């Protein structure tokens, strides 16, 4: 078996800590004071928009939503650079923060 996952190790340390003012920022989920999941208002609004526009929750293509990818490229590089180089820039989506990090590190490797 490989070495322990450091992020999950932080979560385990959080569980063991007895400090009443502790806050768990190690895993991408928000919880209330009773440990119940909290759904952010922005997420509720996004879900409502999806429902109002009769959008589906089907799986995306492997590379993700092209309109989203292009908007992300514009945001990352700026409109001027994007317009001058859009045929030479690629993007894809991935699932979750961990998935994004993995994809990025695989690309770097």
PDB file of N, CA and C in Angstrom:
ATOM      1  N   UNK A   1       0.843  -1.166   0.000  1.00  0.00           N
ATOM      2  CA  UNK A   1       0.000   0.000   0.000  1.00  0.00           C
ATOM      3  C   UNK A   1       0.897   1.240   0.000  1.00  0.00           C
ATOM      4  N   UNK A   2       0.434   2.292  -0.659  1.00  0.00           N
ATOM      5  CA  UNK A   2       1.201   3.533  -0.751  1.00  0.00           C
ATOM      6  C   UNK A   2       1.170   4.320   0.547  1.00  0.00           C
ATOM      7  N   UNK A   3       1.862   5.453   0.554  1.00  0.00           N
ATOM      8  CA  UNK A   3       1.891   6.287   1.759  1.00  0.00           C
ATOM      9  C   UNK A   3       0.515   6.890   2.043  1.00  0.00           C
ATOM     10  N   UNK A   4       0.251   7.281   3.297  1.00  0.00           N
ATOM     11  CA  UNK A   4      -1.033   7.882   3.634  1.00  0.00           C
ATOM     12  C   UNK A   4      -1.264   9.171   2.850  1.00  0.00           C
ATOM     13  N   UNK A   5      -2.492   9.413   2.479  1.00  0.00           N
ATOM     14  CA  UNK A   5      -2.858  10.635   1.767  1.00  0.00           C
ATOM     15  C   UNK A   5      -2.799  11.809   2.740  1.00  0.00           C
ATOM     16  N   UNK A   6      -1.998  12.857   2.434  1.00  0.00           N
ATOM     17  CA  UNK A   6      -1.858  13.960   3.377  1.00  0.00           C
ATOM     18  C   UNK A   6      -3.156  14.736   3.599  1.00  0.00           C
ATOM     19  N   UNK A   7      -3.980  14.871   2.583  1.00  0.00           N
ATOM     20  CA  UNK A   7      -5.249  15.604   2.761  1.00  0.00           C
ATOM     21  C   UNK A   7      -6.167  14.826   3.683  1.00  0.00           C
ATOM     22  N   UNK A   8      -6.290  13.536   3.444  1.00  0.00           N
ATOM     23  CA  UNK A   8      -7.128  12.729   4.326  1.00  0.00           C
ATOM     24  C   UNK A   8      -6.542  12.665   5.726  1.00  0.00           C
ATOM     25  N   UNK A   9      -5.227  12.764   5.830  1.00  0.00           N
ATOM     26  CA  UNK A   9      -4.578  12.818   7.146  1.00  0.00           C
ATOM     27  C   UNK A   9      -4.990  14.052   7.923  1.00  0.00           C
ATOM     28  N   UNK A  10      -5.148  15.176   7.231  1.00  0.00           N
ATOM     29  CA  UNK A  10      -5.619  16.400   7.876  1.00  0.00           C
ATOM     30  C   UNK A  10      -7.047  16.197   8.377  1.00  0.00           C
ATOM     31  N   UNK A  11      -7.864  15.535   7.578  1.00  0.00           N
ATOM     32  CA  UNK A  11      -9.239  15.256   7.987  1.00  0.00           C
ATOM     33  C   UNK A  11      -9.267  14.361   9.223  1.00  0.00           C
ATOM     34  N   UNK A  12      -8.397  13.376   9.270  1.00  0.00           N
ATOM     35  CA  UNK A  12      -8.322  12.497  10.441  1.00  0.00           C
ATOM     36  C   UNK A  12      -7.859  13.272  11.673  1.00  0.00           C
ATOM     37  N   UNK A  13      -6.884  14.156  11.494  1.00  0.00           N
ATOM     38  CA  UNK A  13      -6.410  14.982  12.619  1.00  0.00           C
ATOM     39  C   UNK A  13      -7.533  15.887  13.120  1.00  0.00           C
ATOM     40  N   UNK A  14      -8.342  16.394  12.201  1.00  0.00           N
ATOM     41  CA  UNK A  14      -9.483  17.226  12.579  1.00  0.00           C
ATOM     42  C   UNK A  14     -10.441  16.439  13.472  1.00  0.00           C
ATOM     43  N   UNK A  15     -10.725  15.203  13.090  1.00  0.00           N
ATOM     44  CA  UNK A  15     -11.644  14.379  13.880  1.00  0.00           C
ATOM     45  C   UNK A  15     -11.126  14.139  15.292  1.00  0.00           C
ATOM     46  N   UNK A  16      -9.815  13.997  15.425  1.00  0.00           N
ATOM     47  CA  UNK A  16      -9.212  13.717  16.727  1.00  0.00           C
ATOM     48  C   UNK A  16      -9.090  14.960  17.609  1.00  0.00           C
ATOM     49  N   UNK A  17      -9.062  16.144  16.995  1.00  0.00           N
ATOM     50  CA  UNK A  17      -8.878  17.388  17.742  1.00  0.00           C
ATOM     51  C   UNK A  17     -10.104  17.674  18.610  1.00  0.00           C
ATOM     52  N   UNK A  18      -9.885  18.092  19.833  1.00  0.00           N
ATOM     53  CA  UNK A  18     -10.993  18.371  20.759  1.00  0.00           C
ATOM     54  C   UNK A  18     -11.290  19.857  20.915  1.00  0.00           C
ATOM     55  N   UNK A  19     -10.555  20.708  20.227  1.00  0.00           N
ATOM     56  CA  UNK A  19     -10.781  22.148  20.315  1.00  0.00           C
ATOM     57  C   UNK A  19     -12.165  22.495  19.759  1.00  0.00           C
ATOM     58  N   UNK A  20     -12.984  23.162  20.558  1.00  0.00           N
ATOM     59  CA  UNK A  20     -14.358  23.486  20.155  1.00  0.00           C
ATOM     60  C   UNK A  20     -14.416  24.480  19.000  1.00  0.00           C
ATOM     61  N   UNK A  21     -13.360  25.243  18.781  1.00  0.00           N
ATOM     62  CA  UNK A  21     -13.379  26.255  17.717  1.00  0.00           C
ATOM     63  C   UNK A  21     -12.736  25.764  16.420  1.00  0.00           C
ATOM     64  N   UNK A  22     -12.462  24.472  16.321  1.00  0.00           N
ATOM     65  CA  UNK A  22     -11.811  23.941  15.119  1.00  0.00           C
ATOM     66  C   UNK A  22     -12.706  24.099  13.892  1.00  0.00           C
ATOM     67  N   UNK A  23     -12.058  24.227  12.728  1.00  0.00           N
ATOM     68  CA  UNK A  23     -12.750  24.348  11.451  1.00  0.00           C
ATOM     69  C   UNK A  23     -12.039  23.430  10.467  1.00  0.00           C
ATOM     70  N   UNK A  24     -12.787  22.580   9.799  1.00  0.00           N
ATOM     71  CA  UNK A  24     -12.211  21.649   8.838  1.00  0.00           C
ATOM     72  C   UNK A  24     -12.235  22.269   7.452  1.00  0.00           C
ATOM     73  N   UNK A  25     -11.085  22.660   6.953  1.00  0.00           N
ATOM     74  CA  UNK A  25     -10.961  23.231   5.616  1.00  0.00           C
ATOM     75  C   UNK A  25     -10.218  22.291   4.669  1.00  0.00           C
ATOM     76  N   UNK A  26     -10.080  21.037   5.061  1.00  0.00           N
ATOM     77  CA  UNK A  26      -9.260  20.116   4.276  1.00  0.00           C
ATOM     78  C   UNK A  26     -10.002  19.468   3.119  1.00  0.00           C
ATOM     79  N   UNK A  27     -11.295  19.307   3.210  1.00  0.00           N
ATOM     80  CA  UNK A  27     -12.043  18.612   2.175  1.00  0.00           C
ATOM     81  C   UNK A  27     -13.149  19.532   1.696  1.00  0.00           C
ATOM     82  N   UNK A  28     -13.384  19.572   0.391  1.00  0.00           N
ATOM     83  CA  UNK A  28     -14.299  20.527  -0.219  1.00  0.00           C
ATOM     84  C   UNK A  28     -15.761  20.326   0.094  1.00  0.00           C
ATOM     85  N   UNK A  29     -16.125  20.364   1.354  1.00  0.00           N
ATOM     86  CA  UNK A  29     -17.522  20.268   1.756  1.00  0.00           C
ATOM     87  C   UNK A  29     -17.737  21.189   2.950  1.00  0.00           C
ATOM     88  N   UNK A  30     -18.849  21.874   2.950  1.00  0.00           N
ATOM     89  CA  UNK A  30     -19.174  22.756   4.056  1.00  0.00           C
ATOM     90  C   UNK A  30     -20.173  22.061   4.967  1.00  0.00           C
ATOM     91  N   UNK A  31     -20.000  22.227   6.262  1.00  0.00           N
ATOM     92  CA  UNK A  31     -20.898  21.602   7.238  1.00  0.00           C
ATOM     93  C   UNK A  31     -21.277  22.634   8.298  1.00  0.00           C
ATOM     94  N   UNK A  32     -22.458  22.440   8.879  1.00  0.00           N
ATOM     95  CA  UNK A  32     -22.903  23.346   9.940  1.00  0.00           C
ATOM     96  C   UNK A  32     -22.332  22.891  11.280  1.00  0.00           C
ATOM     97  N   UNK A  33     -22.738  23.543  12.352  1.00  0.00           N
ATOM     98  CA  UNK A  33     -22.213  23.209  13.678  1.00  0.00           C
ATOM     99  C   UNK A  33     -22.615  21.820  14.150  1.00  0.00           C
ATOM    100  N   UNK A  34     -23.589  21.219  13.497  1.00  0.00           N
ATOM    101  CA  UNK A  34     -24.019  19.865  13.839  1.00  0.00           C
ATOM    102  C   UNK A  34     -23.410  18.816  12.911  1.00  0.00           C
ATOM    103  N   UNK A  35     -22.491  19.249  12.034  1.00  0.00           N
ATOM    104  CA  UNK A  35     -21.835  18.329  11.121  1.00  0.00           C
ATOM    105  C   UNK A  35     -22.658  17.968   9.903  1.00  0.00           C
ATOM    106  N   UNK A  36     -23.759  18.658   9.699  1.00  0.00           N
ATOM    107  CA  UNK A  36     -24.620  18.395   8.546  1.00  0.00           C
ATOM    108  C   UNK A  36     -24.139  19.195   7.340  1.00  0.00           C
ATOM    109  N   UNK A  37     -24.245  18.627   6.126  1.00  0.00           N
ATOM    110  CA  UNK A  37     -23.805  19.351   4.926  1.00  0.00           C
ATOM    111  C   UNK A  37     -24.589  20.656   4.734  1.00  0.00           C
ATOM    112  N   UNK A  38     -23.890  21.685   4.284  1.00  0.00           N
ATOM    113  CA  UNK A  38     -24.498  22.980   3.973  1.00  0.00           C
ATOM    114  C   UNK A  38     -24.393  23.179   2.464  1.00  0.00           C
ATOM    115  N   UNK A  39     -25.501  23.478   1.830  1.00  0.00           N
ATOM    116  CA  UNK A  39     -25.485  23.779   0.400  1.00  0.00           C
ATOM    117  C   UNK A  39     -25.452  25.295   0.267  1.00  0.00           C
ATOM    118  N   UNK A  40     -24.410  25.803  -0.380  1.00  0.00           N
ATOM    119  CA  UNK A  40     -24.239  27.244  -0.528  1.00  0.00           C
ATOM    120  C   UNK A  40     -25.368  27.845  -1.351  1.00  0.00           C
ATOM    121  N   UNK A  41     -25.715  29.102  -1.042  1.00  0.00           N
ATOM    122  CA  UNK A  41     -26.767  29.791  -1.794  1.00  0.00           C
ATOM    123  C   UNK A  41     -26.438  29.846  -3.283  1.00  0.00           C
ATOM    124  N   UNK A  42     -25.159  30.022  -3.624  1.00  0.00           N
ATOM    125  CA  UNK A  42     -24.771  30.076  -5.034  1.00  0.00           C
ATOM    126  C   UNK A  42     -25.041  28.753  -5.735  1.00  0.00           C
ATOM    127  N   UNK A  43     -24.864  27.644  -5.029  1.00  0.00           N
ATOM    128  CA  UNK A  43     -25.141  26.326  -5.600  1.00  0.00           C
ATOM    129  C   UNK A  43     -26.648  26.141  -5.768  1.00  0.00           C
ATOM    130  N   UNK A  44     -27.412  26.584  -4.782  1.00  0.00           N
ATOM    131  CA  UNK A  44     -28.869  26.509  -4.892  1.00  0.00           C
ATOM    132  C   UNK A  44     -29.359  27.329  -6.086  1.00  0.00           C
ATOM    133  N   UNK A  45     -28.776  28.520  -6.266  1.00  0.00           N
ATOM    134  CA  UNK A  45     -29.166  29.377  -7.381  1.00  0.00           C
ATOM    135  C   UNK A  45     -28.806  28.729  -8.724  1.00  0.00           C
ATOM    136  N   UNK A  46     -27.621  28.126  -8.797  1.00  0.00           N
ATOM    137  CA  UNK A  46     -27.213  27.448 -10.031  1.00  0.00           C
ATOM    138  C   UNK A  46     -28.148  26.285 -10.339  1.00  0.00           C
ATOM    139  N   UNK A  47     -28.502  25.515  -9.324  1.00  0.00           N
ATOM    140  CA  UNK A  47     -29.447  24.410  -9.530  1.00  0.00           C
ATOM    141  C   UNK A  47     -30.799  24.928 -10.008  1.00  0.00           C
ATOM    142  N   UNK A  48     -31.248  26.040  -9.436  1.00  0.00           N
ATOM    143  CA  UNK A  48     -32.521  26.611  -9.854  1.00  0.00           C
ATOM    144  C   UNK A  48     -32.465  27.074 -11.315  1.00  0.00           C
ATOM    145  N   UNK A  49     -31.343  27.667 -11.710  1.00  0.00           N
ATOM    146  CA  UNK A  49     -31.168  28.101 -13.096  1.00  0.00           C
ATOM    147  C   UNK A  49     -31.223  26.903 -14.041  1.00  0.00           C
ATOM    148  N   UNK A  50     -30.557  25.826 -13.666  1.00  0.00           N
ATOM    149  CA  UNK A  50     -30.575  24.610 -14.475  1.00  0.00           C
ATOM    150  C   UNK A  50     -32.006  24.108 -14.627  1.00  0.00           C
ATOM    151  N   UNK A  51     -32.750  24.107 -13.524  1.00  0.00           N
ATOM    152  CA  UNK A  51     -34.148  23.648 -13.576  1.00  0.00           C
ATOM    153  C   UNK A  51     -35.016  24.603 -14.381  1.00  0.00           C
ATOM    154  N   UNK A  52     -34.864  25.908 -14.173  1.00  0.00           N
ATOM    155  CA  UNK A  52     -35.690  26.899 -14.874  1.00  0.00           C
ATOM    156  C   UNK A  52     -35.484  26.863 -16.382  1.00  0.00           C
ATOM    157  N   UNK A  53     -34.262  26.580 -16.806  1.00  0.00           N
ATOM    158  CA  UNK A  53     -33.949  26.558 -18.242  1.00  0.00           C
ATOM    159  C   UNK A  53     -34.112  25.173 -18.856  1.00  0.00           C
ATOM    160  N   UNK A  54     -34.660  24.249 -18.058  1.00  0.00           N
ATOM    161  CA  UNK A  54     -34.858  22.873 -18.519  1.00  0.00           C
ATOM    162  C   UNK A  54     -33.576  22.252 -19.054  1.00  0.00           C
ATOM    163  N   UNK A  55     -32.469  22.599 -18.422  1.00  0.00           N
ATOM    164  CA  UNK A  55     -31.200  21.998 -18.805  1.00  0.00           C
ATOM    165  C   UNK A  55     -31.147  20.590 -18.219  1.00  0.00           C
ATOM    166  N   UNK A  56     -30.331  19.739 -18.803  1.00  0.00           N
ATOM    167  CA  UNK A  56     -30.264  18.376 -18.286  1.00  0.00           C
ATOM    168  C   UNK A  56     -29.028  18.199 -17.405  1.00  0.00           C
ATOM    169  N   UNK A  57     -28.955  17.051 -16.805  1.00  0.00           N
ATOM    170  CA  UNK A  57     -27.786  16.697 -16.001  1.00  0.00           C
ATOM    171  C   UNK A  57     -27.063  15.520 -16.623  1.00  0.00           C
ATOM    172  N   UNK A  58     -27.085  15.479 -17.947  1.00  0.00           N
ATOM    173  CA  UNK A  58     -26.413  14.397 -18.661  1.00  0.00           C
ATOM    174  C   UNK A  58     -24.897  14.551 -18.528  1.00  0.00           C
ATOM    175  N   UNK A  59     -24.208  13.454 -18.750  1.00  0.00           N
ATOM    176  CA  UNK A  59     -22.753  13.507 -18.742  1.00  0.00           C
ATOM    177  C   UNK A  59     -22.262  14.352 -19.906  1.00  0.00           C
ATOM    178  N   UNK A  60     -21.205  15.092 -19.647  1.00  0.00           N
ATOM    179  CA  UNK A  60     -20.577  15.901 -20.691  1.00  0.00           C
ATOM    180  C   UNK A  60     -19.624  15.035 -21.513  1.00  0.00           C
ATOM    181  N   UNK A  61     -19.217  15.524 -22.682  1.00  0.00           N
ATOM    182  CA  UNK A  61     -18.166  14.814 -23.422  1.00  0.00           C
ATOM    183  C   UNK A  61     -16.882  14.766 -22.587  1.00  0.00           C
ATOM    184  N   UNK A  62     -15.963  13.936 -22.962  1.00  0.00           N
ATOM    185  CA  UNK A  62     -14.722  13.758 -22.212  1.00  0.00           C
ATOM    186  C   UNK A  62     -14.005  15.088 -21.968  1.00  0.00           C
ATOM    187  N   UNK A  63     -14.003  15.977 -22.949  1.00  0.00           N
ATOM    188  CA  UNK A  63     -13.290  17.254 -22.788  1.00  0.00           C
ATOM    189  C   UNK A  63     -14.097  18.295 -22.027  1.00  0.00           C
ATOM    190  N   UNK A  64     -15.359  18.015 -21.711  1.00  0.00           N
ATOM    191  CA  UNK A  64     -16.182  18.952 -20.961  1.00  0.00           C
ATOM    192  C   UNK A  64     -17.087  19.776 -21.860  1.00  0.00           C
ATOM    193  N   UNK A  65     -17.642  20.834 -21.298  1.00  0.00           N
ATOM    194  CA  UNK A  65     -18.546  21.734 -22.016  1.00  0.00           C
ATOM    195  C   UNK A  65     -17.712  22.754 -22.771  1.00  0.00           C
ATOM    196  N   UNK A  66     -17.795  22.735 -24.101  1.00  0.00           N
ATOM    197  CA  UNK A  66     -16.920  23.591 -24.909  1.00  0.00           C
ATOM    198  C   UNK A  66     -17.141  25.078 -24.633  1.00  0.00           C
ATOM    199  N   UNK A  67     -18.393  25.507 -24.489  1.00  0.00           N
ATOM    200  CA  UNK A  67     -18.656  26.929 -24.211  1.00  0.00           C
ATOM    201  C   UNK A  67     -18.024  27.339 -22.883  1.00  0.00           C
ATOM    202  N   UNK A  68     -18.105  26.469 -21.882  1.00  0.00           N
ATOM    203  CA  UNK A  68     -17.477  26.742 -20.579  1.00  0.00           C
ATOM    204  C   UNK A  68     -15.956  26.801 -20.729  1.00  0.00           C
ATOM    205  N   UNK A  69     -15.396  25.841 -21.456  1.00  0.00           N
ATOM    206  CA  UNK A  69     -13.947  25.814 -21.657  1.00  0.00           C
ATOM    207  C   UNK A  69     -13.457  27.093 -22.325  1.00  0.00           C
ATOM    208  N   UNK A  70     -14.173  27.538 -23.363  1.00  0.00           N
ATOM    209  CA  UNK A  70     -13.758  28.755 -24.072  1.00  0.00           C
ATOM    210  C   UNK A  70     -13.872  29.979 -23.158  1.00  0.00           C
ATOM    211  N   UNK A  71     -14.920  30.044 -22.356  1.00  0.00           N
ATOM    212  CA  UNK A  71     -15.071  31.164 -21.412  1.00  0.00           C
ATOM    213  C   UNK A  71     -13.952  31.136 -20.369  1.00  0.00           C
ATOM    214  N   UNK A  72     -13.569  29.943 -19.922  1.00  0.00           N
ATOM    215  CA  UNK A  72     -12.483  29.822 -18.945  1.00  0.00           C
ATOM    216  C   UNK A  72     -11.156  30.269 -19.541  1.00  0.00           C
ATOM    217  N   UNK A  73     -10.926  29.909 -20.805  1.00  0.00           N
ATOM    218  CA  UNK A  73      -9.695  30.344 -21.482  1.00  0.00           C
ATOM    219  C   UNK A  73      -9.666  31.865 -21.583  1.00  0.00           C
ATOM    220  N   UNK A  74     -10.775  32.460 -21.975  1.00  0.00           N
ATOM    221  CA  UNK A  74     -10.842  33.925 -22.067  1.00  0.00           C
ATOM    222  C   UNK A  74     -10.562  34.566 -20.726  1.00  0.00           C
ATOM    223  N   UNK A  75     -11.123  34.001 -19.669  1.00  0.00           N
ATOM    224  CA  UNK A  75     -10.897  34.533 -18.328  1.00  0.00           C
ATOM    225  C   UNK A  75      -9.432  34.398 -17.925  1.00  0.00           C
ATOM    226  N   UNK A  76      -8.843  33.246 -18.211  1.00  0.00           N
ATOM    227  CA  UNK A  76      -7.457  32.990 -17.806  1.00  0.00           C
ATOM    228  C   UNK A  76      -6.444  33.821 -18.579  1.00  0.00           C
ATOM    229  N   UNK A  77      -6.649  33.961 -19.879  1.00  0.00           N
ATOM    230  CA  UNK A  77      -5.662  34.622 -20.730  1.00  0.00           C
ATOM    231  C   UNK A  77      -6.013  36.055 -21.106  1.00  0.00           C
ATOM    232  N   UNK A  78      -7.265  36.431 -20.928  1.00  0.00           N
ATOM    233  CA  UNK A  78      -7.695  37.756 -21.351  1.00  0.00           C
ATOM    234  C   UNK A  78      -8.225  37.725 -22.773  1.00  0.00           C
ATOM    235  N   UNK A  79      -9.164  38.609 -23.046  1.00  0.00           N
ATOM    236  CA  UNK A  79      -9.853  38.643 -24.343  1.00  0.00           C
ATOM    237  C   UNK A  79      -8.892  38.864 -25.518  1.00  0.00           C
ATOM    238  N   UNK A  80      -7.953  39.795 -25.354  1.00  0.00           N
ATOM    239  CA  UNK A  80      -7.042  40.136 -26.450  1.00  0.00           C
ATOM    240  C   UNK A  80      -6.156  38.946 -26.815  1.00  0.00           C
ATOM    241  N   UNK A  81      -5.546  38.327 -25.817  1.00  0.00           N
ATOM    242  CA  UNK A  81      -4.678  37.171 -26.077  1.00  0.00           C
ATOM    243  C   UNK A  81      -5.498  36.020 -26.638  1.00  0.00           C
ATOM    244  N   UNK A  82      -6.687  35.807 -26.073  1.00  0.00           N
ATOM    245  CA  UNK A  82      -7.549  34.736 -26.565  1.00  0.00           C
ATOM    246  C   UNK A  82      -7.860  34.918 -28.047  1.00  0.00           C
ATOM    247  N   UNK A  83      -8.279  36.118 -28.424  1.00  0.00           N
ATOM    248  CA  UNK A  83      -8.642  36.373 -29.822  1.00  0.00           C
ATOM    249  C   UNK A  83      -7.465  36.163 -30.770  1.00  0.00           C
ATOM    250  N   UNK A  84      -6.267  36.472 -30.315  1.00  0.00           N
ATOM    251  CA  UNK A  84      -5.087  36.321 -31.171  1.00  0.00           C
ATOM    252  C   UNK A  84      -4.576  34.879 -31.223  1.00  0.00           C
ATOM    253  N   UNK A  85      -4.950  34.066 -30.243  1.00  0.00           N
ATOM    254  CA  UNK A  85      -4.360  32.723 -30.135  1.00  0.00           C
ATOM    255  C   UNK A  85      -5.367  31.595 -29.950  1.00  0.00           C
ATOM    256  N   UNK A  86      -6.649  31.844 -30.149  1.00  0.00           N
ATOM    257  CA  UNK A  86      -7.665  30.847 -29.801  1.00  0.00           C
ATOM    258  C   UNK A  86      -7.508  29.515 -30.538  1.00  0.00           C
ATOM    259  N   UNK A  87      -6.868  29.516 -31.684  1.00  0.00           N
ATOM    260  CA  UNK A  87      -6.654  28.259 -32.403  1.00  0.00           C
ATOM    261  C   UNK A  87      -5.465  27.472 -31.853  1.00  0.00           C
ATOM    262  N   UNK A  88      -4.727  28.055 -30.909  1.00  0.00           N
ATOM    263  CA  UNK A  88      -3.545  27.397 -30.359  1.00  0.00           C
ATOM    264  C   UNK A  88      -3.676  27.084 -28.878  1.00  0.00           C
ATOM    265  N   UNK A  89      -4.842  27.353 -28.301  1.00  0.00           N
ATOM    266  CA  UNK A  89      -5.053  27.108 -26.873  1.00  0.00           C
ATOM    267  C   UNK A  89      -6.102  26.017 -26.717  1.00  0.00           C
ATOM    268  N   UNK A  90      -5.842  25.085 -25.828  1.00  0.00           N
ATOM    269  CA  UNK A  90      -6.799  24.011 -25.574  1.00  0.00           C
ATOM    270  C   UNK A  90      -7.185  24.007 -24.108  1.00  0.00           C
ATOM    271  N   UNK A  91      -8.345  23.460 -23.837  1.00  0.00           N
ATOM    272  CA  UNK A  91      -8.810  23.342 -22.457  1.00  0.00           C
ATOM    273  C   UNK A  91      -9.684  22.111 -22.333  1.00  0.00           C
ATOM    274  N   UNK A  92      -9.763  21.592 -21.124  1.00  0.00           N
ATOM    275  CA  UNK A  92     -10.716  20.530 -20.828  1.00  0.00           C
ATOM    276  C   UNK A  92     -11.128  20.663 -19.378  1.00  0.00           C
ATOM    277  N   UNK A  93     -12.275  20.139 -19.062  1.00  0.00           N
ATOM    278  CA  UNK A  93     -12.757  20.146 -17.691  1.00  0.00           C
ATOM    279  C   UNK A  93     -12.389  18.831 -17.026  1.00  0.00           C
ATOM    280  N   UNK A  94     -12.383  18.849 -15.712  1.00  0.00           N
ATOM    281  CA  UNK A  94     -12.201  17.600 -14.983  1.00  0.00           C
ATOM    282  C   UNK A  94     -13.136  17.615 -13.784  1.00  0.00           C
ATOM    283  N   UNK A  95     -13.275  16.496 -13.180  1.00  0.00           N
ATOM    284  CA  UNK A  95     -14.192  16.340 -12.067  1.00  0.00           C
ATOM    285  C   UNK A  95     -13.491  16.650 -10.757  1.00  0.00           C
ATOM    286  N   UNK A  96     -13.956  17.624 -10.030  1.00  0.00           N
ATOM    287  CA  UNK A  96     -13.527  17.961  -8.674  1.00  0.00           C
ATOM    288  C   UNK A  96     -12.141  18.596  -8.622  1.00  0.00           C
ATOM    289  N   UNK A  97     -11.822  19.144  -7.480  1.00  0.00           N
ATOM    290  CA  UNK A  97     -10.513  19.755  -7.279  1.00  0.00           C
ATOM    291  C   UNK A  97      -9.397  18.741  -7.378  1.00  0.00           C
ATOM    292  N   UNK A  98      -9.596  17.583  -6.768  1.00  0.00           N
ATOM    293  CA  UNK A  98      -8.572  16.537  -6.813  1.00  0.00           C
ATOM    294  C   UNK A  98      -8.372  16.052  -8.238  1.00  0.00           C
ATOM    295  N   UNK A  99      -9.478  15.888  -8.965  1.00  0.00           N
ATOM    296  CA  UNK A  99      -9.378  15.463 -10.359  1.00  0.00           C
ATOM    297  C   UNK A  99      -8.635  16.481 -11.201  1.00  0.00           C
ATOM    298  N   UNK A 100      -8.895  17.766 -10.938  1.00  0.00           N
ATOM    299  CA  UNK A 100      -8.207  18.827 -11.676  1.00  0.00           C
ATOM    300  C   UNK A 100      -6.714  18.823 -11.388  1.00  0.00           C
ATOM    301  N   UNK A 101      -6.362  18.664 -10.124  1.00  0.00           N
ATOM    302  CA  UNK A 101      -4.945  18.618  -9.766  1.00  0.00           C
ATOM    303  C   UNK A 101      -4.258  17.426 -10.422  1.00  0.00           C
ATOM    304  N   UNK A 102      -4.924  16.288 -10.396  1.00  0.00           N
ATOM    305  CA  UNK A 102      -4.348  15.093 -11.011  1.00  0.00           C
ATOM    306  C   UNK A 102      -4.126  15.302 -12.501  1.00  0.00           C
ATOM    307  N   UNK A 103      -5.141  15.841 -13.181  1.00  0.00           N
ATOM    308  CA  UNK A 103      -5.033  16.092 -14.617  1.00  0.00           C
ATOM    309  C   UNK A 103      -3.903  17.067 -14.908  1.00  0.00           C
ATOM    310  N   UNK A 104      -3.812  18.133 -14.120  1.00  0.00           N
ATOM    311  CA  UNK A 104      -2.744  19.118 -14.313  1.00  0.00           C
ATOM    312  C   UNK A 104      -1.362  18.535 -14.110  1.00  0.00           C
ATOM    313  N   UNK A 105      -1.208  17.716 -13.072  1.00  0.00           N
ATOM    314  CA  UNK A 105       0.102  17.119 -12.790  1.00  0.00           C
ATOM    315  C   UNK A 105       0.458  16.059 -13.831  1.00  0.00           C
ATOM    316  N   UNK A 106      -0.532  15.318 -14.316  1.00  0.00           N
ATOM    317  CA  UNK A 106      -0.259  14.374 -15.412  1.00  0.00           C
ATOM    318  C   UNK A 106       0.206  15.131 -16.646  1.00  0.00           C
ATOM    319  N   UNK A 107      -0.413  16.270 -16.922  1.00  0.00           N
ATOM    320  CA  UNK A 107      -0.009  17.087 -18.068  1.00  0.00           C
ATOM    321  C   UNK A 107       1.430  17.583 -17.884  1.00  0.00           C
ATOM    322  N   UNK A 108       1.740  18.065 -16.684  1.00  0.00           N
ATOM    323  CA  UNK A 108       3.109  18.555 -16.416  1.00  0.00           C
ATOM    324  C   UNK A 108       4.139  17.446 -16.537  1.00  0.00           C
ATOM    325  N   UNK A 109       3.765  16.254 -16.110  1.00  0.00           N
ATOM    326  CA  UNK A 109       4.704  15.122 -16.161  1.00  0.00           C
ATOM    327  C   UNK A 109       4.995  14.755 -17.605  1.00  0.00           C
TER     328      UNK A 109
END
